[in-house]
């Protein structure tokens, strides 16, 4: 078993129904621990990486109804497909 933690940020405080739905994701084999930090608006999820991956965990949290905020890395612009070389000045 490989235990991994992932931290999600959420936009608005979850309702009681959403909190219960997120808590029920622990029933999924591989989900180990959930911890809300309401002051920081984060959810820390501990899971077994031999059973689930980060995308699986994010999908479970989203299906439970928690509205996630993209991480800073997801907000960065994508690199261009082809490298652009600088052009030499005209002589």
N, C-alpha and C. Protein backbone atom coordinates (compact mmCIF):
# COMPACT_ATOMS: atom_id res chain seq x y z
N UNK A 1 0.84 -1.17 0.00
CA UNK A 1 0.00 0.00 0.00
C UNK A 1 0.90 1.24 0.00
N UNK A 2 0.55 2.19 -0.84
CA UNK A 2 1.24 3.47 -0.93
C UNK A 2 0.25 4.57 -0.56
N UNK A 3 0.47 5.17 0.61
CA UNK A 3 -0.44 6.21 1.08
C UNK A 3 0.00 7.56 0.53
N UNK A 4 -0.95 8.28 -0.05
CA UNK A 4 -0.70 9.60 -0.64
C UNK A 4 -1.76 10.55 -0.11
N UNK A 5 -1.36 11.80 0.08
CA UNK A 5 -2.31 12.84 0.45
C UNK A 5 -2.43 13.84 -0.68
N UNK A 6 -3.64 14.33 -0.90
CA UNK A 6 -3.88 15.36 -1.90
C UNK A 6 -4.74 16.44 -1.24
N UNK A 7 -4.44 17.68 -1.56
CA UNK A 7 -5.15 18.80 -0.96
C UNK A 7 -5.97 19.51 -2.03
N UNK A 8 -7.26 19.67 -1.75
CA UNK A 8 -8.17 20.37 -2.64
C UNK A 8 -8.60 21.67 -1.97
N UNK A 9 -8.74 22.73 -2.76
CA UNK A 9 -9.34 23.97 -2.28
C UNK A 9 -10.75 24.04 -2.82
N UNK A 10 -11.67 24.54 -2.00
CA UNK A 10 -13.05 24.68 -2.47
C UNK A 10 -13.49 26.13 -2.35
N UNK A 11 -14.46 26.49 -3.20
CA UNK A 11 -14.89 27.88 -3.33
C UNK A 11 -15.78 28.34 -2.19
N UNK A 12 -16.82 27.61 -1.92
CA UNK A 12 -17.80 28.00 -0.91
C UNK A 12 -17.93 26.88 0.12
N UNK A 13 -18.25 27.24 1.35
CA UNK A 13 -18.43 26.20 2.37
C UNK A 13 -19.49 25.19 1.92
N UNK A 14 -19.21 23.91 2.08
CA UNK A 14 -20.18 22.90 1.63
C UNK A 14 -21.39 22.83 2.55
N UNK A 15 -22.52 22.50 1.96
CA UNK A 15 -23.74 22.29 2.74
C UNK A 15 -23.59 20.99 3.53
N UNK A 16 -24.52 20.75 4.44
CA UNK A 16 -24.49 19.50 5.20
C UNK A 16 -24.62 18.29 4.29
N UNK A 17 -25.46 18.41 3.25
CA UNK A 17 -25.65 17.30 2.32
C UNK A 17 -24.37 17.00 1.55
N UNK A 18 -23.66 18.04 1.11
CA UNK A 18 -22.41 17.85 0.38
C UNK A 18 -21.34 17.27 1.30
N UNK A 19 -21.29 17.76 2.54
CA UNK A 19 -20.33 17.23 3.51
C UNK A 19 -20.57 15.75 3.73
N UNK A 20 -21.83 15.36 3.87
CA UNK A 20 -22.17 13.94 4.06
C UNK A 20 -21.80 13.13 2.82
N UNK A 21 -22.04 13.69 1.63
CA UNK A 21 -21.70 12.98 0.40
C UNK A 21 -20.19 12.80 0.26
N UNK A 22 -19.43 13.83 0.62
CA UNK A 22 -17.97 13.72 0.58
C UNK A 22 -17.51 12.67 1.59
N UNK A 23 -18.08 12.69 2.78
CA UNK A 23 -17.72 11.70 3.80
C UNK A 23 -18.02 10.28 3.34
N UNK A 24 -19.07 10.11 2.55
CA UNK A 24 -19.42 8.76 2.08
C UNK A 24 -18.43 8.22 1.06
N UNK A 25 -17.57 9.08 0.52
CA UNK A 25 -16.56 8.58 -0.42
C UNK A 25 -15.55 7.67 0.28
N UNK A 26 -15.51 7.71 1.61
CA UNK A 26 -14.62 6.80 2.35
C UNK A 26 -15.02 5.35 2.16
N UNK A 27 -16.23 5.12 1.69
CA UNK A 27 -16.68 3.75 1.45
C UNK A 27 -16.01 3.15 0.21
N UNK A 28 -15.41 4.00 -0.61
CA UNK A 28 -14.71 3.52 -1.81
C UNK A 28 -13.39 2.90 -1.37
N UNK A 29 -13.15 1.69 -1.86
CA UNK A 29 -11.92 0.98 -1.49
C UNK A 29 -10.70 1.79 -1.94
N UNK A 30 -9.84 2.13 -1.01
CA UNK A 30 -8.65 2.92 -1.30
C UNK A 30 -8.70 4.30 -0.68
N UNK A 31 -9.90 4.80 -0.40
CA UNK A 31 -10.02 6.08 0.29
C UNK A 31 -9.78 5.82 1.78
N UNK A 32 -8.84 6.57 2.37
CA UNK A 32 -8.47 6.28 3.75
C UNK A 32 -8.94 7.33 4.75
N UNK A 33 -8.71 8.61 4.46
CA UNK A 33 -9.03 9.65 5.44
C UNK A 33 -9.40 10.93 4.73
N UNK A 34 -10.35 11.66 5.30
CA UNK A 34 -10.78 12.97 4.78
C UNK A 34 -10.70 13.96 5.93
N UNK A 35 -10.17 15.16 5.64
CA UNK A 35 -10.09 16.17 6.69
C UNK A 35 -10.39 17.54 6.10
N UNK A 36 -11.52 18.13 6.52
CA UNK A 36 -11.87 19.48 6.12
C UNK A 36 -11.15 20.48 7.01
N UNK A 37 -10.63 21.54 6.42
CA UNK A 37 -10.14 22.70 7.16
C UNK A 37 -11.01 23.86 6.69
N UNK A 38 -12.05 24.15 7.45
CA UNK A 38 -13.03 25.14 7.02
C UNK A 38 -12.45 26.55 6.98
N UNK A 39 -11.50 26.86 7.85
CA UNK A 39 -10.90 28.20 7.85
C UNK A 39 -10.09 28.43 6.57
N UNK A 40 -9.36 27.42 6.14
CA UNK A 40 -8.53 27.53 4.93
C UNK A 40 -9.30 27.13 3.67
N UNK A 41 -10.53 26.62 3.87
CA UNK A 41 -11.34 26.12 2.75
C UNK A 41 -10.60 25.06 1.94
N UNK A 42 -10.09 24.06 2.66
CA UNK A 42 -9.39 22.97 2.00
C UNK A 42 -9.93 21.62 2.48
N UNK A 43 -9.74 20.63 1.65
CA UNK A 43 -10.06 19.24 1.98
C UNK A 43 -8.81 18.43 1.71
N UNK A 44 -8.30 17.77 2.74
CA UNK A 44 -7.14 16.89 2.59
C UNK A 44 -7.66 15.45 2.51
N UNK A 45 -7.27 14.74 1.46
CA UNK A 45 -7.71 13.37 1.27
C UNK A 45 -6.49 12.47 1.27
N UNK A 46 -6.52 11.46 2.12
CA UNK A 46 -5.48 10.44 2.14
C UNK A 46 -6.04 9.21 1.45
N UNK A 47 -5.29 8.69 0.50
CA UNK A 47 -5.78 7.53 -0.26
C UNK A 47 -4.64 6.57 -0.57
N UNK A 48 -5.00 5.37 -0.95
CA UNK A 48 -4.06 4.33 -1.33
C UNK A 48 -3.78 4.44 -2.82
N UNK A 49 -2.57 4.84 -3.17
CA UNK A 49 -2.22 5.07 -4.57
C UNK A 49 -2.09 3.78 -5.37
N UNK A 50 -2.10 2.64 -4.71
CA UNK A 50 -2.10 1.39 -5.47
C UNK A 50 -3.52 1.04 -5.93
N UNK A 51 -4.52 1.72 -5.38
CA UNK A 51 -5.93 1.47 -5.74
C UNK A 51 -6.55 2.61 -6.53
N UNK A 52 -6.13 3.84 -6.24
CA UNK A 52 -6.71 5.03 -6.87
C UNK A 52 -5.60 5.96 -7.32
N UNK A 53 -5.93 6.89 -8.22
CA UNK A 53 -4.98 7.94 -8.58
C UNK A 53 -5.64 9.29 -8.27
N UNK A 54 -4.89 10.37 -8.44
CA UNK A 54 -5.40 11.70 -8.10
C UNK A 54 -6.66 12.04 -8.89
N UNK A 55 -6.72 11.64 -10.14
CA UNK A 55 -7.91 11.92 -10.96
C UNK A 55 -9.14 11.19 -10.42
N UNK A 56 -8.95 9.96 -9.97
CA UNK A 56 -10.06 9.20 -9.37
C UNK A 56 -10.59 9.90 -8.13
N UNK A 57 -9.67 10.35 -7.28
CA UNK A 57 -10.05 11.01 -6.03
C UNK A 57 -10.78 12.32 -6.34
N UNK A 58 -10.24 13.11 -7.26
CA UNK A 58 -10.88 14.37 -7.63
C UNK A 58 -12.28 14.12 -8.19
N UNK A 59 -12.43 13.08 -8.99
CA UNK A 59 -13.73 12.74 -9.56
C UNK A 59 -14.74 12.39 -8.46
N UNK A 60 -14.31 11.63 -7.48
CA UNK A 60 -15.20 11.26 -6.37
C UNK A 60 -15.64 12.50 -5.60
N UNK A 61 -14.71 13.41 -5.35
CA UNK A 61 -15.03 14.63 -4.60
C UNK A 61 -15.99 15.51 -5.40
N UNK A 62 -15.74 15.62 -6.70
CA UNK A 62 -16.62 16.43 -7.56
C UNK A 62 -18.01 15.81 -7.66
N UNK A 63 -18.08 14.48 -7.78
CA UNK A 63 -19.37 13.80 -7.86
C UNK A 63 -20.16 13.98 -6.57
N UNK A 64 -19.46 14.15 -5.45
CA UNK A 64 -20.14 14.38 -4.17
C UNK A 64 -20.74 15.78 -4.11
N UNK A 65 -20.31 16.66 -5.02
CA UNK A 65 -20.91 17.99 -5.09
C UNK A 65 -20.04 19.12 -4.57
N UNK A 66 -18.82 18.84 -4.16
CA UNK A 66 -17.94 19.90 -3.67
C UNK A 66 -17.39 20.68 -4.86
N UNK A 67 -17.54 22.00 -4.83
CA UNK A 67 -17.05 22.85 -5.92
C UNK A 67 -15.60 23.21 -5.65
N UNK A 68 -14.72 22.67 -6.47
CA UNK A 68 -13.28 22.85 -6.26
C UNK A 68 -12.77 24.08 -6.99
N UNK A 69 -11.72 24.66 -6.43
CA UNK A 69 -11.02 25.79 -7.04
C UNK A 69 -9.78 25.22 -7.72
N UNK A 70 -9.49 25.60 -8.96
CA UNK A 70 -8.29 25.07 -9.63
C UNK A 70 -7.02 25.42 -8.85
N UNK A 71 -6.06 24.52 -8.89
CA UNK A 71 -4.79 24.79 -8.23
C UNK A 71 -4.00 25.79 -9.06
N UNK A 72 -3.01 26.47 -8.47
CA UNK A 72 -2.21 27.44 -9.22
C UNK A 72 -1.56 26.85 -10.47
N UNK A 73 -1.14 25.59 -10.42
CA UNK A 73 -0.51 24.97 -11.59
C UNK A 73 -1.50 24.82 -12.74
N UNK A 74 -2.78 24.58 -12.42
CA UNK A 74 -3.78 24.44 -13.46
C UNK A 74 -4.12 25.78 -14.09
N UNK A 75 -3.81 26.87 -13.40
CA UNK A 75 -4.13 28.19 -13.91
C UNK A 75 -3.03 28.76 -14.81
N UNK A 76 -1.86 28.14 -14.82
CA UNK A 76 -0.77 28.63 -15.65
C UNK A 76 -1.07 28.37 -17.12
N UNK A 77 -0.64 29.27 -17.99
CA UNK A 77 -0.87 29.05 -19.42
C UNK A 77 -0.06 27.85 -19.91
N UNK A 78 -0.58 27.19 -20.90
CA UNK A 78 0.10 26.02 -21.47
C UNK A 78 1.26 26.47 -22.35
N UNK A 79 2.30 25.67 -22.38
CA UNK A 79 3.45 25.97 -23.24
C UNK A 79 3.04 25.77 -24.69
N UNK A 80 3.60 26.56 -25.60
CA UNK A 80 3.27 26.38 -27.02
C UNK A 80 3.73 25.01 -27.51
N UNK A 81 3.04 24.50 -28.52
CA UNK A 81 3.37 23.18 -29.06
C UNK A 81 4.75 23.15 -29.70
N UNK A 82 5.06 24.15 -30.47
CA UNK A 82 6.35 24.18 -31.17
C UNK A 82 7.19 25.31 -30.56
N UNK A 83 8.45 25.01 -30.39
CA UNK A 83 9.35 26.03 -29.86
C UNK A 83 9.56 27.09 -30.92
N UNK A 84 9.47 28.32 -30.51
CA UNK A 84 9.67 29.43 -31.46
C UNK A 84 11.07 29.97 -31.23
N UNK A 85 11.85 29.97 -32.29
CA UNK A 85 13.20 30.48 -32.16
C UNK A 85 13.21 31.96 -32.52
N UNK A 86 14.02 32.73 -31.81
CA UNK A 86 14.07 34.16 -32.14
C UNK A 86 14.65 34.38 -33.53
N UNK A 87 14.11 35.36 -34.20
CA UNK A 87 14.60 35.63 -35.55
C UNK A 87 15.78 36.57 -35.48
N UNK A 88 16.73 36.34 -36.36
CA UNK A 88 17.91 37.21 -36.40
C UNK A 88 17.51 38.54 -37.02
N UNK A 89 18.07 39.63 -36.51
CA UNK A 89 17.73 40.94 -37.09
C UNK A 89 18.16 41.02 -38.55
N UNK A 90 17.38 41.73 -39.34
CA UNK A 90 17.69 41.90 -40.76
C UNK A 90 18.93 42.76 -40.91
N UNK A 91 19.77 42.40 -41.85
CA UNK A 91 21.02 43.15 -42.04
C UNK A 91 20.87 44.23 -43.05
